[in-house]
PDB file of N, CA and C in Angstrom:
ATOM      1  N   MET A   1     176.362 110.326  56.056  1.00  0.00           N
ATOM      2  CA  MET A   1     176.026 109.950  57.414  1.00  0.00           C
ATOM      3  C   MET A   1     175.726 108.459  57.452  1.00  0.00           C
ATOM      4  N   SER A   2     176.276 107.783  58.415  1.00  0.00           N
ATOM      5  CA  SER A   2     176.067 106.336  58.505  1.00  0.00           C
ATOM      6  C   SER A   2     174.782 106.024  59.253  1.00  0.00           C
ATOM      7  N   GLN A   3     174.289 104.828  59.062  1.00  0.00           N
ATOM      8  CA  GLN A   3     173.074 104.409  59.746  1.00  0.00           C
ATOM      9  C   GLN A   3     173.412 103.897  61.142  1.00  0.00           C
ATOM     10  N   VAL A   4     172.469 104.071  62.059  1.00  0.00           N
ATOM     11  CA  VAL A   4     172.646 103.571  63.412  1.00  0.00           C
ATOM     12  C   VAL A   4     172.235 102.098  63.430  1.00  0.00           C
ATOM     13  N   ARG A   5     173.075 101.278  63.970  1.00  0.00           N
ATOM     14  CA  ARG A   5     172.797  99.840  64.018  1.00  0.00           C
ATOM     15  C   ARG A   5     172.147  99.474  65.351  1.00  0.00           C
ATOM     16  N   SER A   6     171.440  98.361  65.400  1.00  0.00           N
ATOM     17  CA  SER A   6     170.724  97.955  66.605  1.00  0.00           C
ATOM     18  C   SER A   6     171.670  97.787  67.789  1.00  0.00           C
ATOM     19  N   LYS A   7     172.883  97.323  67.575  1.00  0.00           N
ATOM     20  CA  LYS A   7     173.862  97.172  68.664  1.00  0.00           C
ATOM     21  C   LYS A   7     174.165  98.534  69.283  1.00  0.00           C
ATOM     22  N   GLN A   8     174.293  99.549  68.449  1.00  0.00           N
ATOM     23  CA  GLN A   8     174.563 100.890  68.962  1.00  0.00           C
ATOM     24  C   GLN A   8     173.387 101.400  69.804  1.00  0.00           C
ATOM     25  N   ILE A   9     172.172 101.150  69.368  1.00  0.00           N
ATOM     26  CA  ILE A   9     170.992 101.606  70.096  1.00  0.00           C
ATOM     27  C   ILE A   9     170.892 100.906  71.443  1.00  0.00           C
ATOM     28  N   SER A  10     171.230  99.623  71.502  1.00  0.00           N
ATOM     29  CA  SER A  10     171.112  98.883  72.757  1.00  0.00           C
ATOM     30  C   SER A  10     172.047  99.423  73.836  1.00  0.00           C
ATOM     31  N   ASP A  11     173.081 100.155  73.442  1.00  0.00           N
ATOM     32  CA  ASP A  11     174.014 100.721  74.422  1.00  0.00           C
ATOM     33  C   ASP A  11     173.544 102.042  75.025  1.00  0.00           C
ATOM     34  N   PHE A  12     172.474 102.624  74.500  1.00  0.00           N
ATOM     35  CA  PHE A  12     172.000 103.900  75.013  1.00  0.00           C
ATOM     36  C   PHE A  12     171.304 103.724  76.356  1.00  0.00           C
ATOM     37  N   ASN A  13     171.471 104.686  77.205  1.00  0.00           N
ATOM     38  CA  ASN A  13     170.847 104.694  78.525  1.00  0.00           C
ATOM     39  C   ASN A  13     169.454 105.287  78.410  1.00  0.00           C
ATOM     40  N   SER A  14     168.438 104.576  78.855  1.00  0.00           N
ATOM     41  CA  SER A  14     167.064 105.082  78.749  1.00  0.00           C
ATOM     42  C   SER A  14     166.718 106.087  79.846  1.00  0.00           C
ATOM     43  N   ASN A  15     167.473 106.117  80.925  1.00  0.00           N
ATOM     44  CA  ASN A  15     167.228 107.067  82.018  1.00  0.00           C
ATOM     45  C   ASN A  15     168.299 108.145  81.996  1.00  0.00           C
ATOM     46  N   VAL A  16     167.981 109.254  81.358  1.00  0.00           N
ATOM     47  CA  VAL A  16     168.956 110.326  81.212  1.00  0.00           C
ATOM     48  C   VAL A  16     169.005 111.169  82.484  1.00  0.00           C
ATOM     49  N   VAL A  17     170.187 111.345  83.050  1.00  0.00           N
ATOM     50  CA  VAL A  17     170.420 112.276  84.155  1.00  0.00           C
ATOM     51  C   VAL A  17     171.099 113.484  83.509  1.00  0.00           C
ATOM     52  N   TRP A  18     170.364 114.584  83.413  1.00  0.00           N
ATOM     53  CA  TRP A  18     170.826 115.724  82.612  1.00  0.00           C
ATOM     54  C   TRP A  18     172.147 116.309  83.090  1.00  0.00           C
ATOM     55  N   SER A  19     172.405 116.299  84.379  1.00  0.00           N
ATOM     56  CA  SER A  19     173.650 116.887  84.874  1.00  0.00           C
ATOM     57  C   SER A  19     174.867 116.038  84.526  1.00  0.00           C
ATOM     58  N   ALA A  20     174.640 114.776  84.152  1.00  0.00           N
ATOM     59  CA  ALA A  20     175.759 113.889  83.834  1.00  0.00           C
ATOM     60  C   ALA A  20     175.578 113.219  82.470  1.00  0.00           C
ATOM     61  N   ALA A  21     174.789 113.837  81.594  1.00  0.00           N
ATOM     62  CA  ALA A  21     174.507 113.235  80.283  1.00  0.00           C
ATOM     63  C   ALA A  21     175.742 113.223  79.392  1.00  0.00           C
ATOM     64  N   HIS A  22     175.869 112.163  78.597  1.00  0.00           N
ATOM     65  CA  HIS A  22     176.973 112.009  77.661  1.00  0.00           C
ATOM     66  C   HIS A  22     176.429 111.914  76.247  1.00  0.00           C
ATOM     67  N   SER A  23     177.307 111.959  75.294  1.00  0.00           N
ATOM     68  CA  SER A  23     176.889 111.944  73.900  1.00  0.00           C
ATOM     69  C   SER A  23     176.283 110.618  73.463  1.00  0.00           C
ATOM     70  N   ASN A  24     176.385 109.561  74.273  1.00  0.00           N
ATOM     71  CA  ASN A  24     175.807 108.277  73.881  1.00  0.00           C
ATOM     72  C   ASN A  24     174.404 108.070  74.449  1.00  0.00           C
ATOM     73  N   GLU A  25     173.775 109.127  74.979  1.00  0.00           N
ATOM     74  CA  GLU A  25     172.430 109.034  75.524  1.00  0.00           C
ATOM     75  C   GLU A  25     171.480 109.857  74.667  1.00  0.00           C
ATOM     76  N   ILE A  26     170.424 109.237  74.206  1.00  0.00           N
ATOM     77  CA  ILE A  26     169.441 109.929  73.382  1.00  0.00           C
ATOM     78  C   ILE A  26     168.190 110.152  74.228  1.00  0.00           C
ATOM     79  N   PRO A  27     167.816 111.400  74.460  1.00  0.00           N
ATOM     80  CA  PRO A  27     166.607 111.658  75.244  1.00  0.00           C
ATOM     81  C   PRO A  27     165.370 111.356  74.400  1.00  0.00           C
ATOM     82  N   ASN A  28     164.307 110.925  75.056  1.00  0.00           N
ATOM     83  CA  ASN A  28     163.060 110.744  74.323  1.00  0.00           C
ATOM     84  C   ASN A  28     162.277 112.050  74.337  1.00  0.00           C
ATOM     85  N   SER A  29     161.169 112.106  73.628  1.00  0.00           N
ATOM     86  CA  SER A  29     160.426 113.366  73.501  1.00  0.00           C
ATOM     87  C   SER A  29     159.885 113.850  74.849  1.00  0.00           C
ATOM     88  N   LYS A  30     159.542 112.949  75.748  1.00  0.00           N
ATOM     89  CA  LYS A  30     159.047 113.352  77.072  1.00  0.00           C
ATOM     90  C   LYS A  30     160.167 113.995  77.893  1.00  0.00           C
ATOM     91  N   ASP A  31     161.392 113.444  77.801  1.00  0.00           N
ATOM     92  CA  ASP A  31     162.537 114.066  78.475  1.00  0.00           C
ATOM     93  C   ASP A  31     162.746 115.484  77.963  1.00  0.00           C
ATOM     94  N   ILE A  32     162.667 115.646  76.677  1.00  0.00           N
ATOM     95  CA  ILE A  32     162.862 116.970  76.080  1.00  0.00           C
ATOM     96  C   ILE A  32     161.776 117.921  76.557  1.00  0.00           C
ATOM     97  N   GLN A  33     160.532 117.467  76.542  1.00  0.00           N
ATOM     98  CA  GLN A  33     159.421 118.301  76.972  1.00  0.00           C
ATOM     99  C   GLN A  33     159.574 118.711  78.435  1.00  0.00           C
ATOM    100  N   ASN A  34     160.046 117.809  79.287  1.00  0.00           N
ATOM    101  CA  ASN A  34     160.155 118.092  80.716  1.00  0.00           C
ATOM    102  C   ASN A  34     161.405 118.862  81.104  1.00  0.00           C
ATOM    103  N   ASN A  35     162.431 118.864  80.272  1.00  0.00           N
ATOM    104  CA  ASN A  35     163.710 119.462  80.662  1.00  0.00           C
ATOM    105  C   ASN A  35     164.117 120.683  79.866  1.00  0.00           C
ATOM    106  N   PHE A  36     163.406 120.990  78.807  1.00  0.00           N
ATOM    107  CA  PHE A  36     163.723 122.160  78.010  1.00  0.00           C
ATOM    108  C   PHE A  36     162.492 123.050  77.929  1.00  0.00           C
ATOM    109  N   VAL A  37     162.700 124.341  77.910  1.00  0.00           N
ATOM    110  CA  VAL A  37     161.600 125.293  77.855  1.00  0.00           C
ATOM    111  C   VAL A  37     161.436 125.770  76.416  1.00  0.00           C
ATOM    112  N   PRO A  38     160.274 125.557  75.826  1.00  0.00           N
ATOM    113  CA  PRO A  38     160.066 126.082  74.477  1.00  0.00           C
ATOM    114  C   PRO A  38     160.031 127.604  74.513  1.00  0.00           C
ATOM    115  N   GLU A  39     160.544 128.211  73.484  1.00  0.00           N
ATOM    116  CA  GLU A  39     160.603 129.670  73.435  1.00  0.00           C
ATOM    117  C   GLU A  39     159.219 130.290  73.601  1.00  0.00           C
ATOM    118  N   SER A  40     158.196 129.630  73.098  1.00  0.00           N
ATOM    119  CA  SER A  40     156.837 130.169  73.195  1.00  0.00           C
ATOM    120  C   SER A  40     156.337 130.229  74.636  1.00  0.00           C
ATOM    121  N   ALA A  41     156.971 129.504  75.559  1.00  0.00           N
ATOM    122  CA  ALA A  41     156.559 129.520  76.966  1.00  0.00           C
ATOM    123  C   ALA A  41     157.219 130.642  77.751  1.00  0.00           C
ATOM    124  N   MET A  42     158.203 131.324  77.161  1.00  0.00           N
ATOM    125  CA  MET A  42     158.870 132.441  77.832  1.00  0.00           C
ATOM    126  C   MET A  42     158.053 133.713  77.590  1.00  0.00           C
ATOM    127  N   VAL A  43     157.463 134.242  78.650  1.00  0.00           N
ATOM    128  CA  VAL A  43     156.512 135.343  78.519  1.00  0.00           C
ATOM    129  C   VAL A  43     157.021 136.585  79.246  1.00  0.00           C
ATOM    130  N   ILE A  44     156.790 137.733  78.626  1.00  0.00           N
ATOM    131  CA  ILE A  44     157.049 139.024  79.272  1.00  0.00           C
ATOM    132  C   ILE A  44     155.728 139.784  79.247  1.00  0.00           C
ATOM    133  N   GLU A  45     155.252 140.144  80.430  1.00  0.00           N
ATOM    134  CA  GLU A  45     154.021 140.928  80.510  1.00  0.00           C
ATOM    135  C   GLU A  45     154.343 142.298  81.070  1.00  0.00           C
ATOM    136  N   ASP A  46     153.772 143.301  80.447  1.00  0.00           N
ATOM    137  CA  ASP A  46     154.017 144.688  80.819  1.00  0.00           C
ATOM    138  C   ASP A  46     152.850 145.204  81.650  1.00  0.00           C
ATOM    139  N   PHE A  47     153.146 145.633  82.866  1.00  0.00           N
ATOM    140  CA  PHE A  47     152.146 146.204  83.749  1.00  0.00           C
ATOM    141  C   PHE A  47     152.399 147.694  83.956  1.00  0.00           C
ATOM    142  N   SER A  48     153.130 148.308  83.026  1.00  0.00           N
ATOM    143  CA  SER A  48     153.407 149.742  83.121  1.00  0.00           C
ATOM    144  C   SER A  48     152.094 150.511  83.115  1.00  0.00           C
ATOM    145  N   GLY A  49     152.085 151.623  83.805  1.00  0.00           N
ATOM    146  CA  GLY A  49     150.872 152.426  83.901  1.00  0.00           C
ATOM    147  C   GLY A  49     150.023 152.052  85.105  1.00  0.00           C
ATOM    148  N   SER A  50     150.511 151.099  85.900  1.00  0.00           N
ATOM    149  CA  SER A  50     149.786 150.687  87.099  1.00  0.00           C
ATOM    150  C   SER A  50     150.392 151.375  88.311  1.00  0.00           C
ATOM    151  N   ALA A  51     149.561 152.048  89.079  1.00  0.00           N
ATOM    152  CA  ALA A  51     150.028 152.643  90.328  1.00  0.00           C
ATOM    153  C   ALA A  51     149.781 151.623  91.432  1.00  0.00           C
ATOM    154  N   ILE A  52     150.839 151.183  92.089  1.00  0.00           N
ATOM    155  CA  ILE A  52     150.732 150.151  93.123  1.00  0.00           C
ATOM    156  C   ILE A  52     151.368 150.687  94.399  1.00  0.00           C
ATOM    157  N   VAL A  53     150.579 150.757  95.444  1.00  0.00           N
ATOM    158  CA  VAL A  53     151.106 151.209  96.734  1.00  0.00           C
ATOM    159  C   VAL A  53     151.746 149.990  97.383  1.00  0.00           C
ATOM    160  N   SER A  54     152.995 149.741  97.029  1.00  0.00           N
ATOM    161  CA  SER A  54     153.685 148.547  97.502  1.00  0.00           C
ATOM    162  C   SER A  54     154.402 148.768  98.821  1.00  0.00           C
ATOM    163  N   SER A  55     154.520 150.012  99.236  1.00  0.00           N
ATOM    164  CA  SER A  55     155.259 150.289 100.471  1.00  0.00           C
ATOM    165  C   SER A  55     154.429 149.974 101.716  1.00  0.00           C
ATOM    166  N   THR A  56     153.144 149.675 101.542  1.00  0.00           N
ATOM    167  CA  THR A  56     152.280 149.402 102.698  1.00  0.00           C
ATOM    168  C   THR A  56     152.105 147.912 102.973  1.00  0.00           C
ATOM    169  N   GLY A  57     152.531 147.057 102.054  1.00  0.00           N
ATOM    170  CA  GLY A  57     152.398 145.610 102.264  1.00  0.00           C
ATOM    171  C   GLY A  57     152.503 144.840 100.968  1.00  0.00           C
ATOM    172  N   PRO A  58     152.356 143.521 101.044  1.00  0.00           N
ATOM    173  CA  PRO A  58     152.423 142.688  99.840  1.00  0.00           C
ATOM    174  C   PRO A  58     151.337 143.072  98.839  1.00  0.00           C
ATOM    175  N   TRP A  59     151.570 142.786  97.577  1.00  0.00           N
ATOM    176  CA  TRP A  59     150.617 143.111  96.523  1.00  0.00           C
ATOM    177  C   TRP A  59     150.597 141.986  95.495  1.00  0.00           C
ATOM    178  N   GLN A  60     149.548 141.953  94.688  1.00  0.00           N
ATOM    179  CA  GLN A  60     149.374 140.858  93.739  1.00  0.00           C
ATOM    180  C   GLN A  60     149.179 141.376  92.326  1.00  0.00           C
ATOM    181  N   LEU A  61     149.595 140.536  91.383  1.00  0.00           N
ATOM    182  CA  LEU A  61     149.335 140.773  89.972  1.00  0.00           C
ATOM    183  C   LEU A  61     148.720 139.511  89.386  1.00  0.00           C
ATOM    184  N   VAL A  62     147.835 139.692  88.421  1.00  0.00           N
ATOM    185  CA  VAL A  62     147.217 138.560  87.735  1.00  0.00           C
ATOM    186  C   VAL A  62     147.818 138.484  86.336  1.00  0.00           C
ATOM    187  N   LEU A  63     148.480 137.362  86.064  1.00  0.00           N
ATOM    188  CA  LEU A  63     149.118 137.142  84.768  1.00  0.00           C
ATOM    189  C   LEU A  63     148.109 136.562  83.788  1.00  0.00           C
ATOM    190  N   SER A  64     148.443 136.590  82.509  1.00  0.00           N
ATOM    191  CA  SER A  64     147.527 136.056  81.500  1.00  0.00           C
ATOM    192  C   SER A  64     147.583 134.534  81.402  1.00  0.00           C
ATOM    193  N   SER A  65     148.652 133.917  81.927  1.00  0.00           N
ATOM    194  CA  SER A  65     148.793 132.455  81.902  1.00  0.00           C
ATOM    195  C   SER A  65     149.267 131.970  83.260  1.00  0.00           C
ATOM    196  N   ASN A  66     149.073 130.681  83.528  1.00  0.00           N
ATOM    197  CA  ASN A  66     149.593 130.078  84.749  1.00  0.00           C
ATOM    198  C   ASN A  66     151.104 129.941  84.662  1.00  0.00           C
ATOM    199  N   VAL A  67     151.785 130.023  85.794  1.00  0.00           N
ATOM    200  CA  VAL A  67     153.232 129.848  85.869  1.00  0.00           C
ATOM    201  C   VAL A  67     153.529 128.349  85.959  1.00  0.00           C
ATOM    202  N   GLN A  68     154.548 127.902  85.236  1.00  0.00           N
ATOM    203  CA  GLN A  68     154.928 126.491  85.208  1.00  0.00           C
ATOM    204  C   GLN A  68     155.176 125.960  86.614  1.00  0.00           C
ATOM    205  N   ASN A  69     154.422 124.962  87.007  1.00  0.00           N
ATOM    206  CA  ASN A  69     154.564 124.270  88.304  1.00  0.00           C
ATOM    207  C   ASN A  69     154.500 125.203  89.516  1.00  0.00           C
ATOM    208  N   ASN A  70     153.905 126.376  89.368  1.00  0.00           N
ATOM    209  CA  ASN A  70     153.855 127.366  90.461  1.00  0.00           C
ATOM    210  C   ASN A  70     155.240 127.608  91.063  1.00  0.00           C
ATOM    211  N   ASP A  71     156.247 127.620  90.207  1.00  0.00           N
ATOM    212  CA  ASP A  71     157.644 127.717  90.633  1.00  0.00           C
ATOM    213  C   ASP A  71     158.089 129.180  90.731  1.00  0.00           C
ATOM    214  N   LEU A  72     158.429 129.603  91.948  1.00  0.00           N
ATOM    215  CA  LEU A  72     158.877 130.991  92.174  1.00  0.00           C
ATOM    216  C   LEU A  72     160.133 131.333  91.383  1.00  0.00           C
ATOM    217  N   ASP A  73     160.991 130.339  91.138  1.00  0.00           N
ATOM    218  CA  ASP A  73     162.238 130.590  90.426  1.00  0.00           C
ATOM    219  C   ASP A  73     162.016 130.899  88.948  1.00  0.00           C
ATOM    220  N   LEU A  74     160.810 130.707  88.457  1.00  0.00           N
ATOM    221  CA  LEU A  74     160.517 130.965  87.048  1.00  0.00           C
ATOM    222  C   LEU A  74     159.869 132.325  86.824  1.00  0.00           C
ATOM    223  N   ILE A  75     159.893 133.179  87.852  1.00  0.00           N
ATOM    224  CA  ILE A  75     159.298 134.520  87.762  1.00  0.00           C
ATOM    225  C   ILE A  75     160.342 135.554  88.145  1.00  0.00           C
ATOM    226  N   THR A  76     160.427 136.612  87.356  1.00  0.00           N
ATOM    227  CA  THR A  76     161.319 137.724  87.673  1.00  0.00           C
ATOM    228  C   THR A  76     160.547 139.025  87.474  1.00  0.00           C
ATOM    229  N   VAL A  77     160.689 139.937  88.427  1.00  0.00           N
ATOM    230  CA  VAL A  77     160.023 141.236  88.359  1.00  0.00           C
ATOM    231  C   VAL A  77     161.075 142.297  88.057  1.00  0.00           C
ATOM    232  N   TYR A  78     160.760 143.175  87.103  1.00  0.00           N
ATOM    233  CA  TYR A  78     161.634 144.297  86.763  1.00  0.00           C
ATOM    234  C   TYR A  78     160.856 145.595  86.959  1.00  0.00           C
ATOM    235  N   VAL A  79     161.458 146.528  87.698  1.00  0.00           N
ATOM    236  CA  VAL A  79     160.890 147.856  87.867  1.00  0.00           C
ATOM    237  C   VAL A  79     161.876 148.837  87.266  1.00  0.00           C
ATOM    238  N   ASN A  80     161.440 149.543  86.237  1.00  0.00           N
ATOM    239  CA  ASN A  80     162.284 150.482  85.504  1.00  0.00           C
ATOM    240  C   ASN A  80     163.582 149.826  85.022  1.00  0.00           C
ATOM    241  N   GLY A  81     163.469 148.584  84.582  1.00  0.00           N
ATOM    242  CA  GLY A  81     164.605 147.851  84.044  1.00  0.00           C
ATOM    243  C   GLY A  81     165.511 147.212  85.078  1.00  0.00           C
ATOM    244  N   VAL A  82     165.214 147.393  86.353  1.00  0.00           N
ATOM    245  CA  VAL A  82     166.028 146.836  87.421  1.00  0.00           C
ATOM    246  C   VAL A  82     165.346 145.579  87.964  1.00  0.00           C
ATOM    247  N   LYS A  83     166.086 144.478  87.994  1.00  0.00           N
ATOM    248  CA  LYS A  83     165.558 143.224  88.521  1.00  0.00           C
ATOM    249  C   LYS A  83     165.351 143.372  90.021  1.00  0.00           C
ATOM    250  N   THR A  84     164.168 143.022  90.493  1.00  0.00           N
ATOM    251  CA  THR A  84     163.872 143.125  91.916  1.00  0.00           C
ATOM    252  C   THR A  84     163.573 141.740  92.487  1.00  0.00           C
ATOM    253  N   ASN A  85     163.726 141.599  93.769  1.00  0.00           N
ATOM    254  CA  ASN A  85     163.390 140.361  94.460  1.00  0.00           C
ATOM    255  C   ASN A  85     162.028 140.533  95.109  1.00  0.00           C
ATOM    256  N   GLY A  86     161.534 139.477  95.696  1.00  0.00           N
ATOM    257  CA  GLY A  86     160.345 139.648  96.501  1.00  0.00           C
ATOM    258  C   GLY A  86     159.125 138.869  96.088  1.00  0.00           C
ATOM    259  N   VAL A  87     159.194 138.022  95.059  1.00  0.00           N
ATOM    260  CA  VAL A  87     158.035 137.199  94.740  1.00  0.00           C
ATOM    261  C   VAL A  87     157.902 136.175  95.853  1.00  0.00           C
ATOM    262  N   SER A  88     156.817 136.266  96.622  1.00  0.00           N
ATOM    263  CA  SER A  88     156.670 135.393  97.781  1.00  0.00           C
ATOM    264  C   SER A  88     155.840 134.155  97.495  1.00  0.00           C
ATOM    265  N   SER A  89     154.932 134.242  96.523  1.00  0.00           N
ATOM    266  CA  SER A  89     154.146 133.060  96.184  1.00  0.00           C
ATOM    267  C   SER A  89     153.525 133.206  94.802  1.00  0.00           C
ATOM    268  N   VAL A  90     153.185 132.062  94.241  1.00  0.00           N
ATOM    269  CA  VAL A  90     152.463 132.037  92.966  1.00  0.00           C
ATOM    270  C   VAL A  90     151.502 130.862  93.007  1.00  0.00           C
ATOM    271  N   THR A  91     150.272 131.134  92.628  1.00  0.00           N
ATOM    272  CA  THR A  91     149.254 130.102  92.528  1.00  0.00           C
ATOM    273  C   THR A  91     148.559 130.298  91.187  1.00  0.00           C
ATOM    274  N   GLY A  92     148.862 129.390  90.250  1.00  0.00           N
ATOM    275  CA  GLY A  92     148.292 129.535  88.918  1.00  0.00           C
ATOM    276  C   GLY A  92     148.830 130.783  88.250  1.00  0.00           C
ATOM    277  N   ASN A  93     147.930 131.758  88.035  1.00  0.00           N
ATOM    278  CA  ASN A  93     148.350 132.996  87.383  1.00  0.00           C
ATOM    279  C   ASN A  93     148.361 134.193  88.341  1.00  0.00           C
ATOM    280  N   ILE A  94     148.253 133.942  89.642  1.00  0.00           N
ATOM    281  CA  ILE A  94     148.273 135.023  90.631  1.00  0.00           C
ATOM    282  C   ILE A  94     149.625 135.037  91.342  1.00  0.00           C
ATOM    283  N   VAL A  95     150.324 136.153  91.207  1.00  0.00           N
ATOM    284  CA  VAL A  95     151.651 136.316  91.790  1.00  0.00           C
ATOM    285  C   VAL A  95     151.557 137.295  92.954  1.00  0.00           C
ATOM    286  N   THR A  96     152.073 136.889  94.110  1.00  0.00           N
ATOM    287  CA  THR A  96     152.125 137.768  95.277  1.00  0.00           C
ATOM    288  C   THR A  96     153.560 138.238  95.453  1.00  0.00           C
ATOM    289  N   ILE A  97     153.707 139.549  95.588  1.00  0.00           N
ATOM    290  CA  ILE A  97     155.024 140.168  95.699  1.00  0.00           C
ATOM    291  C   ILE A  97     155.117 140.862  97.052  1.00  0.00           C
ATOM    292  N   ASP A  98     156.236 140.636  97.734  1.00  0.00           N
ATOM    293  CA  ASP A  98     156.446 141.224  99.061  1.00  0.00           C
ATOM    294  C   ASP A  98     156.496 142.745  98.993  1.00  0.00           C
ATOM    295  N   GLN A  99     156.353 143.336 100.141  1.00  0.00           N
ATOM    296  CA  GLN A  99     156.397 144.787 100.282  1.00  0.00           C
ATOM    297  C   GLN A  99     157.737 145.345  99.811  1.00  0.00           C
ATOM    298  N   TYR A 100     157.687 146.402  99.002  1.00  0.00           N
ATOM    299  CA  TYR A 100     158.888 147.143  98.610  1.00  0.00           C
ATOM    300  C   TYR A 100     158.992 148.371  99.510  1.00  0.00           C
ATOM    301  N   ALA A 101     160.147 148.982  99.533  1.00  0.00           N
ATOM    302  CA  ALA A 101     160.351 150.205 100.321  1.00  0.00           C
ATOM    303  C   ALA A 101     159.821 151.435  99.583  1.00  0.00           C
ATOM    304  N   TYR A 102     159.270 151.211  98.401  1.00  0.00           N
ATOM    305  CA  TYR A 102     158.782 152.320  97.577  1.00  0.00           C
ATOM    306  C   TYR A 102     157.503 151.882  96.864  1.00  0.00           C
ATOM    307  N   ASP A 103     156.775 152.860  96.366  1.00  0.00           N
ATOM    308  CA  ASP A 103     155.566 152.590  95.599  1.00  0.00           C
ATOM    309  C   ASP A 103     155.904 152.504  94.113  1.00  0.00           C
ATOM    310  N   ILE A 104     155.090 151.775  93.359  1.00  0.00           N
ATOM    311  CA  ILE A 104     155.212 151.731  91.907  1.00  0.00           C
ATOM    312  C   ILE A 104     154.293 152.828  91.376  1.00  0.00           C
ATOM    313  N   GLU A 105     154.861 153.792  90.699  1.00  0.00           N
ATOM    314  CA  GLU A 105     154.077 154.918  90.208  1.00  0.00           C
ATOM    315  C   GLU A 105     153.622 154.674  88.777  1.00  0.00           C
ATOM    316  N   VAL A 106     152.660 155.449  88.320  1.00  0.00           N
ATOM    317  CA  VAL A 106     152.070 155.272  86.994  1.00  0.00           C
ATOM    318  C   VAL A 106     153.121 155.361  85.886  1.00  0.00           C
ATOM    319  N   ASP A 107     154.120 156.195  86.043  1.00  0.00           N
ATOM    320  CA  ASP A 107     155.118 156.340  84.987  1.00  0.00           C
ATOM    321  C   ASP A 107     156.291 155.359  85.112  1.00  0.00           C
ATOM    322  N   ASP A 108     156.240 154.440  86.083  1.00  0.00           N
ATOM    323  CA  ASP A 108     157.268 153.404  86.214  1.00  0.00           C
ATOM    324  C   ASP A 108     156.998 152.266  85.237  1.00  0.00           C
ATOM    325  N   ALA A 109     158.077 151.689  84.714  1.00  0.00           N
ATOM    326  CA  ALA A 109     157.967 150.512  83.840  1.00  0.00           C
ATOM    327  C   ALA A 109     158.002 149.273  84.721  1.00  0.00           C
ATOM    328  N   LEU A 110     156.940 148.483  84.685  1.00  0.00           N
ATOM    329  CA  LEU A 110     156.827 147.273  85.499  1.00  0.00           C
ATOM    330  C   LEU A 110     156.612 146.081  84.578  1.00  0.00           C
ATOM    331  N   GLU A 111     157.564 145.145  84.591  1.00  0.00           N
ATOM    332  CA  GLU A 111     157.478 143.952  83.753  1.00  0.00           C
ATOM    333  C   GLU A 111     157.617 142.702  84.609  1.00  0.00           C
ATOM    334  N   ILE A 112     156.880 141.676  84.226  1.00  0.00           N
ATOM    335  CA  ILE A 112     157.002 140.362  84.842  1.00  0.00           C
ATOM    336  C   ILE A 112     157.466 139.409  83.748  1.00  0.00           C
ATOM    337  N   HIS A 113     158.594 138.762  83.960  1.00  0.00           N
ATOM    338  CA  HIS A 113     159.110 137.745  83.040  1.00  0.00           C
ATOM    339  C   HIS A 113     158.866 136.391  83.708  1.00  0.00           C
ATOM    340  N   TYR A 114     158.267 135.457  82.973  1.00  0.00           N
ATOM    341  CA  TYR A 114     157.994 134.153  83.572  1.00  0.00           C
ATOM    342  C   TYR A 114     157.879 133.074  82.508  1.00  0.00           C
ATOM    343  N   ILE A 115     157.868 131.831  82.973  1.00  0.00           N
ATOM    344  CA  ILE A 115     157.672 130.675  82.089  1.00  0.00           C
ATOM    345  C   ILE A 115     156.240 130.195  82.318  1.00  0.00           C
ATOM    346  N   LYS A 116     155.447 130.253  81.258  1.00  0.00           N
ATOM    347  CA  LYS A 116     154.071 129.801  81.409  1.00  0.00           C
ATOM    348  C   LYS A 116     153.976 128.290  81.336  1.00  0.00           C
ATOM    349  N   GLU A 117     152.902 127.780  81.884  1.00  0.00           N
ATOM    350  CA  GLU A 117     152.679 126.337  81.918  1.00  0.00           C
ATOM    351  C   GLU A 117     152.663 125.783  80.496  1.00  0.00           C
ATOM    352  N   HIS A 118     153.512 124.758  80.258  1.00  0.00           N
ATOM    353  CA  HIS A 118     153.610 124.207  78.902  1.00  0.00           C
ATOM    354  C   HIS A 118     153.665 122.698  78.871  1.00  0.00           C
ATOM    355  N   ASN A 119     153.849 122.011  79.987  1.00  0.00           N
ATOM    356  CA  ASN A 119     153.855 120.541  80.004  1.00  0.00           C
ATOM    357  C   ASN A 119     152.430 120.056  80.165  1.00  0.00           C
ATOM    358  N   VAL A 120     151.939 119.415  79.139  1.00  0.00           N
ATOM    359  CA  VAL A 120     150.562 118.946  79.194  1.00  0.00           C
ATOM    360  C   VAL A 120     150.527 117.445  79.102  1.00  0.00           C
TER     361      VAL A 120
END
């Protein structure tokens, strides 16, 4: 492997635009931290065994960690292995889910997949 020369480094772009990044751009550690999700931040929490009367209105779950940037797109709810929609808000570790047409029964498998807060 050859050494990188100072002329080569001076040609690198310091402002990486991820959608248009090329092989001549080296991201710094902050770019990596802000644009990639560490595997340890991907969380699956099991709420099976919870009876939730969801057919009467919105309901909430309390997660063990805060959701990254309170971003709704980083949360997915699965009921009996089926991905469902309806997360209406998230504040820290409290997730509010819209009314379903059915109740979650004690024997239903309920999982929340989310990205926990990791940028410090």
